[in-house]
Amino acid sequence: MQRVCLALPTMRACPGTIVDLAEEAAYAVATFGVEVHLLVLDTTDAAEFAKNADAVAALTATPGVFVHHLGNAEQREFFLRVAERSGAADPELLLELMLPQGVAYGSCVNRLFLAAAALGCTSTHLRNDDFDYQVADGAKLYPIHHELLSIGRPAGEAVAAVTRSELDPADADKPVMVVSGSFIGELNVDIGEIRELDPAVYHDLVKLWTPPVWPDEDRDAMVELSFKGVGAEPFDTDESVLGVPDIWNVYMCNVALDHRGYEVLPLLPSTDTLGCDYALLHALVHSKLPGVVHNRHIVNYYTPERRVGAGFVNYQLRYVKLLLSMLYLYPVYGGMIDHGPALLDERHGLRIEPVLDLVRGTFDWDRAGNEHCLDVVDRSYRKLGGKYVELADVVAERRQQLLDEAQQDAERWAVLIEAWAPMVAAARAQGLGNGVAGSAA
């Protein structure tokens, strides 16, 4: 029986989301006859954790759905055991990369990947804790419907499961490695207020994350596309397209990934950095592996704590760190594009050596681009006034630290890439135990 992982990382109380995902898991079992492991990796404090635990405990038991709810202590114990079992010279360093202090979008997904390997799952289906499903004719539109039709299958077989195929016949034997929808609703980066205050400043700040080697007209076009998903486009009828996806059409919070991708390349373990969880999608897309893009888009919404006070400053700093990370990521992504299918071995699997070489090649990159970036950020925030002046002061105070961290993040990613294969093997050998529907594992 196909075993899959429906995965939710969370750092806040989200009992409603847990209930929704349990319903999606039950739908998958009833519709496709799979075994679903609903995995909630929870880094909340004790009070918030208790709310999530209560939601898990109240779930109706569903045959074929196994629920695993792991808090900080359980995760720390499991990942330390995995790091030690991998034979790493410094397992504490690997634990820090897997479970760091602070918000770490890439690290939390890496933890999901290793836990999915420990559970023996062949695919991981990622959601987040601040989304809703679209509804049509009174029924929730579960993305797992399209995901399980195609994920992991030879692309030539998946043709029958989509509404349109753009597959190159030469790729028919390659597996479908990614199935993704997008999102509707609010921007997936919470900078819409800046656009409302001053569209020109918004343009300047978003342009900072576009590739600086591109012509201005291409960078301006990317500004118009960025962070918007499919806008407000409502669901009409199911549509799905098989082929090599455009990177703009895949979204990390509405995606299924085959284990033959995420068991090879981990995501960046950067802390407090938006966008650091997209590297694997770039590798899969740029190596020309087949994927499916569908229209069961999720509905994105904002949680209020990132709009005021310290929450506002902390969230906006994550955007600044996204801008700085691109100095090191764009050469990697550009190199992936240049390699193309040469990133794959004869069995259509990702080759990690060329990716690792690309990452190492960025360590000593000239920081002048990031110095300029921070200059523009400072001017832009001060022009906006109000709370953005306070934000500019924080960025200025941390300027050197931010520059150093962007470089260190690339170096730490290389460390994790080198350690990843032994960690995956160790996780498989370690196992995670059998969760029980309606109770914590």
Protein backbone atom coordinates (compact mmCIF):
# COMPACT_ATOMS: atom_id res chain seq x y z
CA MET A 1 0.00 0.00 0.00
CA GLN A 2 1.24 3.48 -0.88
CA ARG A 3 2.25 5.35 2.27
CA VAL A 4 2.30 9.15 2.20
CA CYS A 5 3.00 11.95 4.65
CA LEU A 6 0.60 14.90 4.94
CA ALA A 7 2.80 17.36 6.76
CA LEU A 8 2.26 20.49 8.83
CA PRO A 9 5.01 22.47 10.53
CA THR A 10 3.62 24.99 12.99
CA MET A 11 4.84 27.58 15.46
CA ARG A 12 1.39 28.68 16.65
CA ALA A 13 -1.85 27.22 17.93
CA CYS A 14 -3.83 26.06 14.89
CA PRO A 15 -6.46 23.54 16.01
CA GLY A 16 -8.73 24.32 13.07
CA THR A 17 -5.97 23.59 10.58
CA ILE A 18 -5.26 20.24 12.25
CA VAL A 19 -8.92 19.28 11.91
CA ASP A 20 -8.91 20.35 8.25
CA LEU A 21 -5.83 18.28 7.49
CA ALA A 22 -7.30 15.24 9.20
CA GLU A 23 -10.28 15.59 6.88
CA GLU A 24 -7.96 15.85 3.87
CA ALA A 25 -6.13 12.73 5.06
CA ALA A 26 -9.43 10.84 5.41
CA TYR A 27 -10.40 11.95 1.90
CA ALA A 28 -7.11 10.58 0.55
CA VAL A 29 -7.67 7.21 2.22
CA ALA A 30 -11.27 6.94 1.01
CA THR A 31 -10.52 8.08 -2.53
CA PHE A 32 -7.16 6.51 -3.25
CA GLY A 33 -6.78 3.67 -0.76
CA VAL A 34 -3.47 4.98 0.56
CA GLU A 35 -2.09 5.03 4.09
CA VAL A 36 -1.69 8.61 5.31
CA HIS A 37 0.60 9.72 8.09
CA LEU A 38 -0.55 13.12 9.29
CA LEU A 39 2.58 14.66 10.77
CA VAL A 40 2.43 17.82 12.90
CA LEU A 41 5.83 19.16 13.95
CA ASP A 42 5.01 21.72 16.61
CA THR A 43 7.47 24.29 18.00
CA THR A 44 4.96 26.25 20.08
CA ASP A 45 5.25 26.95 23.79
CA ALA A 46 3.46 24.76 26.34
CA ALA A 47 0.14 26.63 26.31
CA GLU A 48 -0.11 26.75 22.52
CA PHE A 49 1.07 23.15 22.21
CA ALA A 50 -1.73 22.07 24.54
CA LYS A 51 -4.34 23.61 22.23
CA ASN A 52 -2.94 21.68 19.28
CA ALA A 53 -2.67 18.50 21.35
CA ASP A 54 -6.32 18.84 22.35
CA ALA A 55 -7.27 19.12 18.68
CA VAL A 56 -5.28 15.98 17.88
CA ALA A 57 -6.83 14.09 20.79
CA ALA A 58 -10.34 15.03 19.64
CA LEU A 59 -9.88 13.75 16.07
CA THR A 60 -12.19 10.98 14.99
CA ALA A 61 -10.23 7.77 14.46
CA THR A 62 -10.03 6.95 10.76
CA PRO A 63 -8.67 3.62 9.53
CA GLY A 64 -5.65 4.28 7.36
CA VAL A 65 -4.86 7.67 8.93
CA PHE A 66 -2.07 7.78 11.52
CA VAL A 67 -1.47 11.01 13.41
CA HIS A 68 1.93 12.07 14.79
CA HIS A 69 2.17 15.25 16.90
CA LEU A 70 5.71 16.03 18.05
CA GLY A 71 6.69 18.96 20.24
CA ASN A 72 10.08 20.50 20.80
CA ALA A 73 11.37 17.86 23.22
CA GLU A 74 10.31 14.93 21.05
CA GLN A 75 11.77 16.52 17.95
CA ARG A 76 15.06 17.33 19.66
CA GLU A 77 15.41 13.75 20.90
CA PHE A 78 14.56 12.22 17.51
CA PHE A 79 16.80 14.45 15.40
CA LEU A 80 19.73 14.15 17.78
CA ARG A 81 19.44 10.37 17.58
CA VAL A 82 19.35 10.61 13.79
CA ALA A 83 22.39 12.91 13.72
CA GLU A 84 24.33 10.58 16.01
CA ARG A 85 23.29 7.49 14.08
CA SER A 86 24.39 9.12 10.81
CA GLY A 87 28.00 8.95 11.96
CA ALA A 88 28.50 12.71 11.77
CA ALA A 89 31.60 14.11 13.44
CA ASP A 90 29.53 16.87 15.07
CA PRO A 91 25.95 15.70 15.66
CA GLU A 92 25.20 18.75 17.81
CA LEU A 93 25.90 20.99 14.81
CA LEU A 94 23.52 18.96 12.68
CA LEU A 95 20.89 19.21 15.41
CA GLU A 96 21.33 22.99 15.41
CA LEU A 97 20.85 23.05 11.63
CA MET A 98 17.72 20.92 11.94
CA LEU A 99 16.16 22.57 15.00
CA PRO A 100 17.66 26.04 15.40
CA GLN A 101 16.52 28.85 17.63
CA GLY A 102 14.19 31.20 15.82
CA VAL A 103 11.96 30.80 12.77
CA ALA A 104 13.53 28.56 10.14
CA TYR A 105 11.33 27.77 7.14
CA GLY A 106 13.84 25.48 5.47
CA SER A 107 14.78 23.64 8.65
CA CYS A 108 11.19 22.88 9.62
CA VAL A 109 10.56 21.33 6.20
CA ASN A 110 13.83 19.39 6.40
CA ARG A 111 12.56 17.93 9.67
CA LEU A 112 9.37 16.89 7.91
CA PHE A 113 11.41 15.22 5.18
CA LEU A 114 13.48 13.17 7.63
CA ALA A 115 10.41 12.22 9.64
CA ALA A 116 8.67 11.13 6.42
CA ALA A 117 11.69 8.97 5.63
CA ALA A 118 11.50 7.49 9.12
CA LEU A 119 7.84 6.66 8.51
CA GLY A 120 8.63 4.94 5.21
CA CYS A 121 6.60 7.40 3.13
CA THR A 122 7.21 7.74 -0.60
CA SER A 123 5.96 11.32 -0.83
CA THR A 124 5.44 14.35 1.40
CA HIS A 125 2.47 16.67 0.96
CA LEU A 126 3.17 20.08 2.49
CA ARG A 127 0.66 22.53 3.95
CA ASN A 128 1.03 25.52 6.30
CA ASP A 129 -0.77 26.82 9.37
CA ASP A 130 -2.27 29.97 7.87
CA PHE A 131 -4.37 28.79 4.94
CA ASP A 132 -7.90 27.78 4.05
CA TYR A 133 -9.16 25.45 1.36
CA GLN A 134 -11.29 26.79 -1.44
CA VAL A 135 -14.85 25.45 -1.47
CA ALA A 136 -16.95 24.51 -4.49
CA ASP A 137 -20.53 23.23 -4.27
CA GLY A 138 -20.13 22.95 -0.52
CA ALA A 139 -17.07 20.68 -0.71
CA LYS A 140 -13.53 21.60 0.27
CA LEU A 141 -11.03 21.38 -2.57
CA TYR A 142 -8.25 19.18 -1.28
CA PRO A 143 -4.97 19.52 -3.21
CA ILE A 144 -4.12 15.91 -2.33
CA HIS A 145 -6.65 14.88 -4.99
CA HIS A 146 -4.35 15.96 -7.82
CA GLU A 147 -1.21 15.08 -5.89
CA LEU A 148 -2.04 11.41 -5.48
CA LEU A 149 -3.16 11.05 -9.07
CA SER A 150 0.37 11.68 -10.29
CA ILE A 151 3.15 11.98 -7.68
CA GLY A 152 5.91 9.43 -8.19
CA ARG A 153 4.35 7.83 -11.26
CA PRO A 154 6.22 7.62 -14.57
CA ALA A 155 5.19 10.72 -16.47
CA GLY A 156 3.96 8.64 -19.40
CA GLU A 157 1.42 6.99 -17.08
CA ALA A 158 0.44 10.29 -15.43
CA VAL A 159 -0.80 11.62 -18.78
CA ALA A 160 -4.08 9.84 -18.18
CA ALA A 161 -4.57 11.63 -14.84
CA VAL A 162 -4.34 15.25 -16.05
CA THR A 163 -6.56 17.47 -18.13
CA ARG A 164 -3.73 18.59 -20.39
CA SER A 165 -0.26 17.30 -21.18
CA GLU A 166 2.72 19.30 -22.39
CA LEU A 167 5.06 16.38 -21.74
CA ASP A 168 8.01 15.87 -24.05
CA PRO A 169 7.72 12.22 -25.18
CA ALA A 170 11.40 11.83 -24.34
CA ASP A 171 10.50 12.40 -20.67
CA ALA A 172 7.83 9.69 -20.46
CA ASP A 173 9.98 7.39 -18.32
CA LYS A 174 10.92 10.10 -15.83
CA PRO A 175 8.95 10.16 -12.58
CA VAL A 176 6.59 12.98 -11.65
CA MET A 177 8.57 14.60 -8.85
CA VAL A 178 6.41 17.56 -7.93
CA VAL A 179 2.68 18.31 -7.98
CA SER A 180 1.68 21.80 -6.96
CA GLY A 181 -1.06 24.36 -6.92
CA SER A 182 -0.66 28.03 -6.10
CA PHE A 183 -2.65 30.32 -3.81
CA ILE A 184 -5.25 33.03 -3.92
CA GLY A 185 -5.85 35.74 -1.35
CA GLU A 186 -3.25 37.99 0.22
CA LEU A 187 0.35 38.23 -0.96
CA ASN A 188 2.40 35.31 0.32
CA VAL A 189 4.93 37.83 1.64
CA ASP A 190 3.31 40.35 3.95
CA ILE A 191 4.40 43.57 2.27
CA GLY A 192 1.07 44.65 0.83
CA GLU A 193 0.93 47.58 3.24
CA ILE A 194 4.05 49.00 1.63
CA ARG A 195 2.36 48.88 -1.77
CA GLU A 196 -0.61 50.76 -0.32
CA LEU A 197 1.60 53.41 1.31
CA ASP A 198 3.88 54.02 -1.68
CA PRO A 199 3.77 51.89 -4.86
CA ALA A 200 7.15 53.26 -5.98
CA VAL A 201 8.85 52.18 -2.75
CA TYR A 202 7.15 48.79 -3.04
CA HIS A 203 8.55 48.44 -6.56
CA ASP A 204 12.05 49.34 -5.41
CA LEU A 205 11.97 46.88 -2.50
CA VAL A 206 10.62 43.98 -4.54
CA LYS A 207 13.05 44.69 -7.37
CA LEU A 208 15.88 44.07 -4.90
CA TRP A 209 15.06 40.36 -4.93
CA THR A 210 15.12 40.04 -8.73
CA PRO A 211 18.30 38.83 -10.49
CA PRO A 212 20.58 41.87 -10.88
CA VAL A 213 22.04 40.51 -14.14
CA TRP A 214 18.67 40.69 -15.86
CA PRO A 215 17.65 43.66 -18.02
CA ASP A 216 15.52 46.22 -16.21
CA GLU A 217 12.39 45.38 -18.19
CA ASP A 218 12.64 41.73 -17.12
CA ARG A 219 13.22 42.70 -13.51
CA ASP A 220 10.22 45.04 -13.62
CA ALA A 221 8.09 42.22 -15.04
CA MET A 222 9.22 39.97 -12.19
CA VAL A 223 8.18 42.64 -9.68
CA GLU A 224 4.67 42.52 -11.14
CA LEU A 225 4.51 38.73 -10.74
CA SER A 226 6.15 38.38 -7.36
CA PHE A 227 4.31 37.13 -4.28
CA LYS A 228 0.86 37.35 -5.90
CA GLY A 229 0.01 33.72 -6.71
CA VAL A 230 -2.98 33.65 -9.03
CA GLY A 231 -4.57 36.72 -7.51
CA ALA A 232 -8.27 36.29 -6.76
CA GLU A 233 -8.97 33.66 -9.44
CA PRO A 234 -11.73 31.44 -8.02
CA PHE A 235 -12.07 27.71 -8.70
CA ASP A 236 -14.34 26.75 -11.58
CA THR A 237 -13.49 23.20 -12.59
CA ASP A 238 -10.48 20.93 -12.07
CA GLU A 239 -7.56 21.64 -14.33
CA SER A 240 -4.11 20.05 -14.27
CA VAL A 241 -1.16 20.27 -16.62
CA LEU A 242 1.67 17.75 -16.94
CA GLY A 243 5.07 18.89 -18.14
CA VAL A 244 8.08 20.77 -16.81
CA PRO A 245 6.54 23.37 -14.48
CA ASP A 246 7.41 27.03 -14.51
CA ILE A 247 9.01 27.89 -11.17
CA TRP A 248 6.36 30.61 -10.76
CA ASN A 249 3.60 28.00 -10.75
CA VAL A 250 4.81 25.95 -7.79
CA TYR A 251 4.19 26.94 -4.21
CA MET A 252 5.89 25.38 -1.23
CA CYS A 253 2.79 25.43 0.99
CA ASN A 254 0.63 23.60 -1.57
CA VAL A 255 2.89 20.90 -2.95
CA ALA A 256 3.60 17.19 -3.05
CA LEU A 257 7.20 16.06 -3.47
CA ASP A 258 8.50 12.61 -4.29
CA HIS A 259 11.02 11.17 -1.83
CA ARG A 260 13.59 10.77 -4.62
CA GLY A 261 13.97 14.54 -4.59
CA TYR A 262 13.88 15.54 -0.92
CA GLU A 263 15.95 12.57 0.23
CA VAL A 264 18.79 13.91 -1.96
CA LEU A 265 18.75 17.70 -1.47
CA PRO A 266 17.83 19.43 1.81
CA LEU A 267 16.60 23.00 2.03
CA LEU A 268 18.61 25.89 3.42
CA PRO A 269 18.79 25.88 7.24
CA SER A 270 18.69 29.69 7.33
CA THR A 271 16.98 31.29 10.30
CA ASP A 272 14.51 34.17 10.04
CA THR A 273 14.71 34.16 6.24
CA LEU A 274 11.73 34.04 3.89
CA GLY A 275 12.05 31.96 0.73
CA CYS A 276 14.83 29.67 1.92
CA ASP A 277 12.58 26.63 1.42
CA TYR A 278 12.42 26.83 -2.39
CA ALA A 279 15.83 25.46 -3.39
CA LEU A 280 14.60 21.91 -3.98
CA LEU A 281 11.80 23.15 -6.24
CA HIS A 282 14.39 25.03 -8.29
CA ALA A 283 16.50 21.89 -8.63
CA LEU A 284 13.55 19.78 -9.77
CA VAL A 285 12.26 22.36 -12.22
CA HIS A 286 15.62 23.38 -13.67
CA SER A 287 16.70 19.76 -14.17
CA LYS A 288 13.59 19.39 -16.36
CA LEU A 289 11.95 16.68 -14.27
CA PRO A 290 8.22 16.31 -14.94
CA GLY A 291 5.66 17.84 -12.66
CA VAL A 292 1.96 18.62 -12.52
CA VAL A 293 0.47 22.04 -11.87
CA HIS A 294 -3.20 22.13 -10.81
CA ASN A 295 -5.76 24.73 -9.81
CA ARG A 296 -6.82 23.55 -6.35
CA HIS A 297 -5.16 26.66 -4.98
CA ILE A 298 -5.19 27.29 -1.26
CA VAL A 299 -6.40 30.56 0.26
CA ASN A 300 -3.59 32.50 1.92
CA TYR A 301 -4.26 34.77 4.87
CA TYR A 302 -2.17 36.66 7.43
CA THR A 303 -1.88 36.04 11.13
CA PRO A 304 -2.16 39.31 13.10
CA GLU A 305 0.99 39.08 15.23
CA ARG A 306 3.26 40.05 12.34
CA ARG A 307 1.57 43.40 11.77
CA VAL A 308 2.42 45.26 14.98
CA GLY A 309 5.25 45.83 17.45
CA ALA A 310 8.07 43.31 17.70
CA GLY A 311 6.15 40.89 15.49
CA PHE A 312 6.17 43.45 12.68
CA VAL A 313 9.91 44.12 12.98
CA ASN A 314 10.77 40.42 13.17
CA TYR A 315 8.68 39.52 10.14
CA GLN A 316 10.02 42.37 8.01
CA LEU A 317 13.59 41.40 8.93
CA ARG A 318 12.83 38.01 7.40
CA TYR A 319 12.07 39.81 4.16
CA VAL A 320 15.34 41.74 4.36
CA LYS A 321 17.19 38.48 4.88
CA LEU A 322 15.41 37.05 1.84
CA LEU A 323 16.82 39.92 -0.22
CA LEU A 324 20.33 39.30 1.08
CA SER A 325 20.12 35.54 0.53
CA MET A 326 19.61 35.98 -3.19
CA LEU A 327 23.24 37.09 -3.66
CA TYR A 328 24.17 33.49 -2.85
CA LEU A 329 21.13 31.70 -4.27
CA TYR A 330 20.88 33.21 -7.73
CA PRO A 331 24.31 31.88 -8.80
CA VAL A 332 23.16 28.43 -7.63
CA TYR A 333 19.84 28.67 -9.43
CA GLY A 334 21.54 30.04 -12.56
CA GLY A 335 24.00 27.16 -12.47
CA MET A 336 21.11 24.71 -12.17
CA ILE A 337 19.57 26.23 -15.30
CA ASP A 338 22.89 25.89 -17.11
CA HIS A 339 23.26 22.24 -16.06
CA GLY A 340 19.67 21.42 -16.95
CA PRO A 341 19.13 17.65 -17.37
CA ALA A 342 22.85 17.13 -16.62
CA LEU A 343 21.79 17.50 -12.97
CA LEU A 344 20.28 14.02 -13.33
CA ASP A 345 21.91 10.61 -13.35
CA GLU A 346 21.05 7.79 -15.75
CA ARG A 347 18.11 6.79 -13.53
CA HIS A 348 16.68 10.35 -13.62
CA GLY A 349 17.73 11.01 -10.01
CA LEU A 350 19.23 14.30 -8.81
CA ARG A 351 23.02 14.34 -8.71
CA ILE A 352 24.10 16.16 -5.60
CA GLU A 353 27.72 16.84 -6.58
CA PRO A 354 27.02 19.63 -9.11
CA VAL A 355 24.62 21.33 -6.68
CA LEU A 356 27.17 21.16 -3.89
CA ASP A 357 29.83 22.61 -6.18
CA LEU A 358 27.53 25.51 -7.04
CA VAL A 359 26.82 26.23 -3.38
CA ARG A 360 30.51 26.13 -2.43
CA GLY A 361 31.28 28.51 -5.27
CA THR A 362 29.29 31.28 -3.59
CA PHE A 363 31.14 31.36 -0.27
CA ASP A 364 33.49 34.20 -1.20
CA TRP A 365 31.02 36.14 -3.33
CA ASP A 366 31.58 39.90 -3.43
CA ARG A 367 29.26 41.52 -0.88
CA ALA A 368 28.96 44.78 -2.79
CA GLY A 369 25.53 43.77 -4.08
CA ASN A 370 24.26 43.22 -0.56
CA GLU A 371 25.81 46.46 0.68
CA HIS A 372 23.85 48.26 -2.06
CA CYS A 373 20.73 46.29 -1.16
CA LEU A 374 20.85 47.46 2.46
CA ASP A 375 21.40 51.05 1.33
CA VAL A 376 18.23 50.93 -0.77
CA VAL A 377 16.32 49.22 2.06
CA ASP A 378 17.34 51.96 4.48
CA ARG A 379 16.29 54.77 2.14
CA SER A 380 13.01 53.05 1.29
CA TYR A 381 11.91 52.37 4.85
CA ARG A 382 12.76 55.89 5.98
CA LYS A 383 10.75 57.30 3.10
CA LEU A 384 7.71 55.34 4.31
CA GLY A 385 7.98 56.90 7.77
CA GLY A 386 6.19 55.77 10.92
CA LYS A 387 6.98 52.25 12.12
CA TYR A 388 9.18 51.71 9.07
CA VAL A 389 11.68 54.22 10.45
CA GLU A 390 12.04 52.04 13.53
CA LEU A 391 12.52 49.07 11.21
CA ALA A 392 15.22 50.97 9.29
CA ASP A 393 17.01 51.68 12.58
CA VAL A 394 17.00 47.98 13.49
CA VAL A 395 18.34 47.00 10.06
CA ALA A 396 21.06 49.64 10.29
CA GLU A 397 22.06 48.47 13.77
CA ARG A 398 22.33 44.86 12.59
CA ARG A 399 23.87 45.63 9.19
CA GLN A 400 27.14 43.74 9.62
CA GLN A 401 25.42 40.83 11.32
CA LEU A 402 22.93 40.54 8.47
CA LEU A 403 25.70 40.58 5.87
CA ASP A 404 27.65 37.91 7.77
CA GLU A 405 24.63 35.69 8.30
CA ALA A 406 23.76 35.64 4.61
CA GLN A 407 27.21 34.24 3.81
CA GLN A 408 27.17 31.85 6.75
CA ASP A 409 23.81 30.48 5.63
CA ALA A 410 25.34 29.37 2.33
CA GLU A 411 28.19 27.70 4.19
CA ARG A 412 25.84 25.92 6.59
CA TRP A 413 23.71 24.71 3.70
CA ALA A 414 26.78 23.02 2.22
CA VAL A 415 27.44 21.29 5.55
CA LEU A 416 23.89 19.96 5.61
CA ILE A 417 23.97 18.84 1.97
CA GLU A 418 27.10 16.79 2.68
CA ALA A 419 25.50 15.19 5.73
CA TRP A 420 22.06 14.63 4.22
CA ALA A 421 22.31 11.15 2.67
CA PRO A 422 23.62 9.56 5.91
CA MET A 423 20.93 11.40 7.88
CA VAL A 424 18.17 10.09 5.60
CA ALA A 425 19.52 6.57 5.99
CA ALA A 426 19.71 7.02 9.76
CA ALA A 427 16.13 8.32 9.91
CA ARG A 428 14.88 5.30 7.97
CA ALA A 429 16.74 2.97 10.32
CA GLN A 430 15.55 4.89 13.40
CA GLY A 431 11.87 4.94 12.53
CA LEU A 432 9.27 7.21 14.12
CA GLY A 433 6.71 4.79 15.50
CA ASN A 434 3.09 4.27 14.53
CA GLY A 435 0.83 7.19 15.26
CA VAL A 436 -2.78 6.54 16.14
CA ALA A 437 -5.67 8.55 14.74
CA GLY A 438 -7.03 10.88 17.37
CA SER A 439 -4.03 10.75 19.70
CA ALA A 440 -0.49 12.09 19.90
CA ALA A 441 2.30 9.80 18.77
